[in-house]
C-alpha atoms as a PDB file:
ATOM      1  CA  UNK A   1     138.773 106.682 114.791  1.00  0.00           C
ATOM      2  CA  UNK A   2     135.672 106.551 116.963  1.00  0.00           C
ATOM      3  CA  UNK A   3     132.232 106.381 115.369  1.00  0.00           C
ATOM      4  CA  UNK A   4     129.470 108.620 116.643  1.00  0.00           C
ATOM      5  CA  UNK A   5     125.885 107.460 116.467  1.00  0.00           C
ATOM      6  CA  UNK A   6     123.036 109.766 115.524  1.00  0.00           C
ATOM      7  CA  UNK A   7     119.422 109.413 114.515  1.00  0.00           C
ATOM      8  CA  UNK A   8     118.771 109.782 110.799  1.00  0.00           C
ATOM      9  CA  UNK A   9     115.227 111.097 111.329  1.00  0.00           C
ATOM     10  CA  UNK A  10     116.349 113.888 113.645  1.00  0.00           C
ATOM     11  CA  UNK A  11     119.379 114.779 111.565  1.00  0.00           C
ATOM     12  CA  UNK A  12     117.463 114.764 108.307  1.00  0.00           C
ATOM     13  CA  UNK A  13     114.671 116.934 109.703  1.00  0.00           C
ATOM     14  CA  UNK A  14     117.129 119.443 111.137  1.00  0.00           C
ATOM     15  CA  UNK A  15     119.375 119.510 108.070  1.00  0.00           C
ATOM     16  CA  UNK A  16     122.453 118.143 109.840  1.00  0.00           C
ATOM     17  CA  UNK A  17     122.935 114.972 107.776  1.00  0.00           C
ATOM     18  CA  UNK A  18     125.466 116.562 105.414  1.00  0.00           C
ATOM     19  CA  UNK A  19     127.338 118.181 108.340  1.00  0.00           C
ATOM     20  CA  UNK A  20     127.477 114.852 110.151  1.00  0.00           C
ATOM     21  CA  UNK A  21     128.868 113.088 107.094  1.00  0.00           C
ATOM     22  CA  UNK A  22     131.548 115.783 106.757  1.00  0.00           C
ATOM     23  CA  UNK A  23     132.512 115.209 110.411  1.00  0.00           C
ATOM     24  CA  UNK A  24     132.870 111.476 109.838  1.00  0.00           C
ATOM     25  CA  UNK A  25     129.733 110.565 111.771  1.00  0.00           C
ATOM     26  CA  UNK A  26     128.362 107.129 110.989  1.00  0.00           C
ATOM     27  CA  UNK A  27     124.587 106.898 111.056  1.00  0.00           C
ATOM     28  CA  UNK A  28     123.179 103.480 111.861  1.00  0.00           C
ATOM     29  CA  UNK A  29     120.181 103.044 109.579  1.00  0.00           C
ATOM     30  CA  UNK A  30     118.517 100.319 111.607  1.00  0.00           C
ATOM     31  CA  UNK A  31     118.062 102.788 114.482  1.00  0.00           C
ATOM     32  CA  UNK A  32     116.152 105.445 112.586  1.00  0.00           C
ATOM     33  CA  UNK A  33     114.166 107.512 115.062  1.00  0.00           C
ATOM     34  CA  UNK A  34     111.463 109.864 113.825  1.00  0.00           C
ATOM     35  CA  UNK A  35     110.195 112.665 116.039  1.00  0.00           C
ATOM     36  CA  UNK A  36     106.707 112.345 117.500  1.00  0.00           C
ATOM     37  CA  UNK A  37     104.186 115.038 116.629  1.00  0.00           C
ATOM     38  CA  UNK A  38     101.445 116.528 118.755  1.00  0.00           C
ATOM     39  CA  UNK A  39      99.021 119.108 117.354  1.00  0.00           C
ATOM     40  CA  UNK A  40      96.481 121.100 119.348  1.00  0.00           C
ATOM     41  CA  UNK A  41      94.092 123.604 117.751  1.00  0.00           C
ATOM     42  CA  UNK A  42      92.286 126.149 119.867  1.00  0.00           C
ATOM     43  CA  UNK A  43      89.838 128.879 118.943  1.00  0.00           C
ATOM     44  CA  UNK A  44      90.366 131.894 121.187  1.00  0.00           C
ATOM     45  CA  UNK A  45      87.550 134.431 121.197  1.00  0.00           C
ATOM     46  CA  UNK A  46      89.770 137.457 120.893  1.00  0.00           C
ATOM     47  CA  UNK A  47      91.329 139.406 118.002  1.00  0.00           C
ATOM     48  CA  UNK A  48      94.504 138.036 116.456  1.00  0.00           C
ATOM     49  CA  UNK A  49      96.682 140.935 117.665  1.00  0.00           C
ATOM     50  CA  UNK A  50      95.562 140.466 121.305  1.00  0.00           C
ATOM     51  CA  UNK A  51      96.211 136.714 121.232  1.00  0.00           C
ATOM     52  CA  UNK A  52      99.610 137.056 119.587  1.00  0.00           C
ATOM     53  CA  UNK A  53     100.537 139.782 122.083  1.00  0.00           C
ATOM     54  CA  UNK A  54      99.641 137.424 124.959  1.00  0.00           C
ATOM     55  CA  UNK A  55     101.903 134.695 123.542  1.00  0.00           C
ATOM     56  CA  UNK A  56     104.653 137.260 122.869  1.00  0.00           C
ATOM     57  CA  UNK A  57     105.168 137.661 126.612  1.00  0.00           C
ATOM     58  CA  UNK A  58     107.304 134.801 127.922  1.00  0.00           C
ATOM     59  CA  UNK A  59     106.016 135.331 131.475  1.00  0.00           C
ATOM     60  CA  UNK A  60     102.581 134.130 130.320  1.00  0.00           C
ATOM     61  CA  UNK A  61     104.073 130.639 129.984  1.00  0.00           C
ATOM     62  CA  UNK A  62     103.734 130.440 133.776  1.00  0.00           C
ATOM     63  CA  UNK A  63      99.952 130.710 133.374  1.00  0.00           C
ATOM     64  CA  UNK A  64      99.830 127.959 130.748  1.00  0.00           C
ATOM     65  CA  UNK A  65     102.074 125.364 132.401  1.00  0.00           C
ATOM     66  CA  UNK A  66     100.738 122.772 134.869  1.00  0.00           C
ATOM     67  CA  UNK A  67     101.791 123.615 138.452  1.00  0.00           C
ATOM     68  CA  UNK A  68     103.288 120.149 139.059  1.00  0.00           C
ATOM     69  CA  UNK A  69     106.018 120.985 136.526  1.00  0.00           C
ATOM     70  CA  UNK A  70     107.348 123.718 138.860  1.00  0.00           C
ATOM     71  CA  UNK A  71     108.071 125.813 135.774  1.00  0.00           C
ATOM     72  CA  UNK A  72     110.313 128.827 136.336  1.00  0.00           C
ATOM     73  CA  UNK A  73     111.779 131.254 133.812  1.00  0.00           C
ATOM     74  CA  UNK A  74     115.422 131.945 134.714  1.00  0.00           C
ATOM     75  CA  UNK A  75     116.070 134.600 132.057  1.00  0.00           C
ATOM     76  CA  UNK A  76     115.410 138.084 133.477  1.00  0.00           C
ATOM     77  CA  UNK A  77     111.966 139.457 132.583  1.00  0.00           C
ATOM     78  CA  UNK A  78     110.647 141.084 130.506  1.00  0.00           C
ATOM     79  CA  UNK A  79     112.088 139.213 127.543  1.00  0.00           C
ATOM     80  CA  UNK A  80     112.073 140.862 124.112  1.00  0.00           C
ATOM     81  CA  UNK A  81     110.797 138.102 121.880  1.00  0.00           C
ATOM     82  CA  UNK A  82     112.178 137.848 118.346  1.00  0.00           C
ATOM     83  CA  UNK A  83     114.160 135.436 116.201  1.00  0.00           C
ATOM     84  CA  UNK A  84     117.357 134.598 118.054  1.00  0.00           C
ATOM     85  CA  UNK A  85     115.984 135.156 121.568  1.00  0.00           C
ATOM     86  CA  UNK A  86     117.337 132.591 124.057  1.00  0.00           C
ATOM     87  CA  UNK A  87     115.250 131.703 127.127  1.00  0.00           C
ATOM     88  CA  UNK A  88     116.409 129.639 130.107  1.00  0.00           C
ATOM     89  CA  UNK A  89     113.919 127.773 132.294  1.00  0.00           C
ATOM     90  CA  UNK A  90     113.847 125.302 135.124  1.00  0.00           C
ATOM     91  CA  UNK A  91     111.242 122.545 135.033  1.00  0.00           C
ATOM     92  CA  UNK A  92     110.475 119.283 136.825  1.00  0.00           C
ATOM     93  CA  UNK A  93     109.302 116.230 134.928  1.00  0.00           C
ATOM     94  CA  UNK A  94     108.156 113.351 137.121  1.00  0.00           C
ATOM     95  CA  UNK A  95     109.914 115.075 140.021  1.00  0.00           C
ATOM     96  CA  UNK A  96     113.269 115.260 138.203  1.00  0.00           C
ATOM     97  CA  UNK A  97     114.607 118.830 137.770  1.00  0.00           C
ATOM     98  CA  UNK A  98     115.889 119.920 134.360  1.00  0.00           C
ATOM     99  CA  UNK A  99     117.394 123.094 133.025  1.00  0.00           C
ATOM    100  CA  UNK A 100     115.800 123.919 129.708  1.00  0.00           C
ATOM    101  CA  UNK A 101     117.167 126.354 127.138  1.00  0.00           C
ATOM    102  CA  UNK A 102     115.193 127.287 124.045  1.00  0.00           C
ATOM    103  CA  UNK A 103     115.772 129.599 121.135  1.00  0.00           C
ATOM    104  CA  UNK A 104     113.101 131.469 119.238  1.00  0.00           C
ATOM    105  CA  UNK A 105     114.369 130.407 115.839  1.00  0.00           C
ATOM    106  CA  UNK A 106     111.625 131.963 113.706  1.00  0.00           C
ATOM    107  CA  UNK A 107     109.288 134.883 114.411  1.00  0.00           C
ATOM    108  CA  UNK A 108     106.623 136.508 112.232  1.00  0.00           C
ATOM    109  CA  UNK A 109     104.380 138.944 114.114  1.00  0.00           C
ATOM    110  CA  UNK A 110     100.692 137.957 114.174  1.00  0.00           C
ATOM    111  CA  UNK A 111     101.398 134.771 112.183  1.00  0.00           C
ATOM    112  CA  UNK A 112     103.708 132.326 113.987  1.00  0.00           C
ATOM    113  CA  UNK A 113     106.825 131.748 116.008  1.00  0.00           C
ATOM    114  CA  UNK A 114     108.977 128.700 116.600  1.00  0.00           C
ATOM    115  CA  UNK A 115     110.905 127.730 119.699  1.00  0.00           C
ATOM    116  CA  UNK A 116     113.491 124.975 119.622  1.00  0.00           C
ATOM    117  CA  UNK A 117     115.198 123.295 122.545  1.00  0.00           C
ATOM    118  CA  UNK A 118     118.936 123.854 122.716  1.00  0.00           C
ATOM    119  CA  UNK A 119     119.356 122.010 126.019  1.00  0.00           C
ATOM    120  CA  UNK A 120     116.805 120.111 128.059  1.00  0.00           C
ATOM    121  CA  UNK A 121     114.960 116.899 128.731  1.00  0.00           C
ATOM    122  CA  UNK A 122     114.243 115.960 125.102  1.00  0.00           C
ATOM    123  CA  UNK A 123     116.565 114.928 122.295  1.00  0.00           C
ATOM    124  CA  UNK A 124     114.458 117.114 119.984  1.00  0.00           C
ATOM    125  CA  UNK A 125     111.839 119.742 120.829  1.00  0.00           C
ATOM    126  CA  UNK A 126     110.599 121.937 117.967  1.00  0.00           C
ATOM    127  CA  UNK A 127     107.423 123.878 118.806  1.00  0.00           C
ATOM    128  CA  UNK A 128     105.559 125.934 116.212  1.00  0.00           C
ATOM    129  CA  UNK A 129     102.866 128.338 117.432  1.00  0.00           C
ATOM    130  CA  UNK A 130     100.637 129.459 114.532  1.00  0.00           C
ATOM    131  CA  UNK A 131      97.925 132.128 114.649  1.00  0.00           C
ATOM    132  CA  UNK A 132      95.162 132.888 112.170  1.00  0.00           C
ATOM    133  CA  UNK A 133      92.181 135.234 112.329  1.00  0.00           C
ATOM    134  CA  UNK A 134      88.909 133.318 112.008  1.00  0.00           C
ATOM    135  CA  UNK A 135      85.242 134.184 112.513  1.00  0.00           C
ATOM    136  CA  UNK A 136      84.798 134.874 116.187  1.00  0.00           C
ATOM    137  CA  UNK A 137      88.463 135.237 117.067  1.00  0.00           C
ATOM    138  CA  UNK A 138      91.802 133.570 116.502  1.00  0.00           C
ATOM    139  CA  UNK A 139      92.773 130.006 115.712  1.00  0.00           C
ATOM    140  CA  UNK A 140      95.951 129.098 117.571  1.00  0.00           C
ATOM    141  CA  UNK A 141      97.752 125.899 116.615  1.00  0.00           C
ATOM    142  CA  UNK A 142     100.499 124.292 118.665  1.00  0.00           C
ATOM    143  CA  UNK A 143     102.555 121.776 116.702  1.00  0.00           C
ATOM    144  CA  UNK A 144     105.354 120.070 118.574  1.00  0.00           C
ATOM    145  CA  UNK A 145     107.864 117.678 117.053  1.00  0.00           C
ATOM    146  CA  UNK A 146     109.765 115.964 119.818  1.00  0.00           C
ATOM    147  CA  UNK A 147     111.924 112.965 120.500  1.00  0.00           C
ATOM    148  CA  UNK A 148     112.491 111.603 123.971  1.00  0.00           C
ATOM    149  CA  UNK A 149     115.836 110.393 125.260  1.00  0.00           C
ATOM    150  CA  UNK A 150     116.430 106.680 125.616  1.00  0.00           C
ATOM    151  CA  UNK A 151     117.952 105.706 122.278  1.00  0.00           C
ATOM    152  CA  UNK A 152     116.839 102.141 121.534  1.00  0.00           C
ATOM    153  CA  UNK A 153     114.396 102.225 124.479  1.00  0.00           C
ATOM    154  CA  UNK A 154     112.830 105.510 123.324  1.00  0.00           C
ATOM    155  CA  UNK A 155     109.696 103.899 121.815  1.00  0.00           C
ATOM    156  CA  UNK A 156     108.938 102.207 125.144  1.00  0.00           C
ATOM    157  CA  UNK A 157     109.651 105.337 127.190  1.00  0.00           C
ATOM    158  CA  UNK A 158     107.457 107.315 124.786  1.00  0.00           C
ATOM    159  CA  UNK A 159     104.571 104.830 124.997  1.00  0.00           C
ATOM    160  CA  UNK A 160     104.699 104.364 128.772  1.00  0.00           C
ATOM    161  CA  UNK A 161     105.398 107.901 130.017  1.00  0.00           C
ATOM    162  CA  UNK A 162     106.260 110.715 127.673  1.00  0.00           C
ATOM    163  CA  UNK A 163     103.299 110.703 125.262  1.00  0.00           C
ATOM    164  CA  UNK A 164     100.771 110.946 128.105  1.00  0.00           C
ATOM    165  CA  UNK A 165     102.804 113.671 129.839  1.00  0.00           C
ATOM    166  CA  UNK A 166     103.182 115.838 126.722  1.00  0.00           C
ATOM    167  CA  UNK A 167      99.494 115.428 125.844  1.00  0.00           C
ATOM    168  CA  UNK A 168      98.431 116.334 129.391  1.00  0.00           C
ATOM    169  CA  UNK A 169     100.614 119.473 129.301  1.00  0.00           C
ATOM    170  CA  UNK A 170      98.890 120.671 126.118  1.00  0.00           C
ATOM    171  CA  UNK A 171      95.434 119.661 127.377  1.00  0.00           C
ATOM    172  CA  UNK A 172      96.111 121.790 130.473  1.00  0.00           C
ATOM    173  CA  UNK A 173      97.287 124.640 128.242  1.00  0.00           C
ATOM    174  CA  UNK A 174      94.059 124.535 126.213  1.00  0.00           C
ATOM    175  CA  UNK A 175      91.875 124.532 129.334  1.00  0.00           C
ATOM    176  CA  UNK A 176      93.816 127.506 130.780  1.00  0.00           C
ATOM    177  CA  UNK A 177      93.416 129.430 127.523  1.00  0.00           C
ATOM    178  CA  UNK A 178      89.640 128.982 127.806  1.00  0.00           C
ATOM    179  CA  UNK A 179      89.783 130.414 131.353  1.00  0.00           C
ATOM    180  CA  UNK A 180      92.026 133.332 130.384  1.00  0.00           C
ATOM    181  CA  UNK A 181      89.992 134.126 127.257  1.00  0.00           C
ATOM    182  CA  UNK A 182      86.391 133.127 128.114  1.00  0.00           C
ATOM    183  CA  UNK A 183      83.583 133.400 125.565  1.00  0.00           C
ATOM    184  CA  UNK A 184      82.099 136.878 125.529  1.00  0.00           C
END
């Protein structure tokens, strides 16, 4: 019998640990990998419904993604966003093309939605978009839990390349939101 190796942190967070044990998967405890977390909070000077509506349109991702990523939505537009929606993209990271497939796994109008990578450049990508009405507009929070590929080398790959790249993508996103929704 062959042993499969998985990451306890990822499995535990995603609720797969029991399923893995039932499939005879052996988890090596000395290689526990926990997802990295990035959080960005932005105040957008528009009503909650307008902001959520903007984020409900997948084609607006093109406006919020740095041009060097050559981001392209492959799923025919417009896309009806709801729990269970699958979206296919093409993206380039450091010049390397990737197909990326995500699922909207949770959706609550005017409150939040969650997209999770099914296939793509990361081992784990779980992105929660939260929205809350505040004085002067809407607070939008991006929280991403992600784990880069690389297995035992992942911490080095994360420190040298991935962390800076992910942070720069969300910094770009925040600056574009300020352009799209300027102060009135």
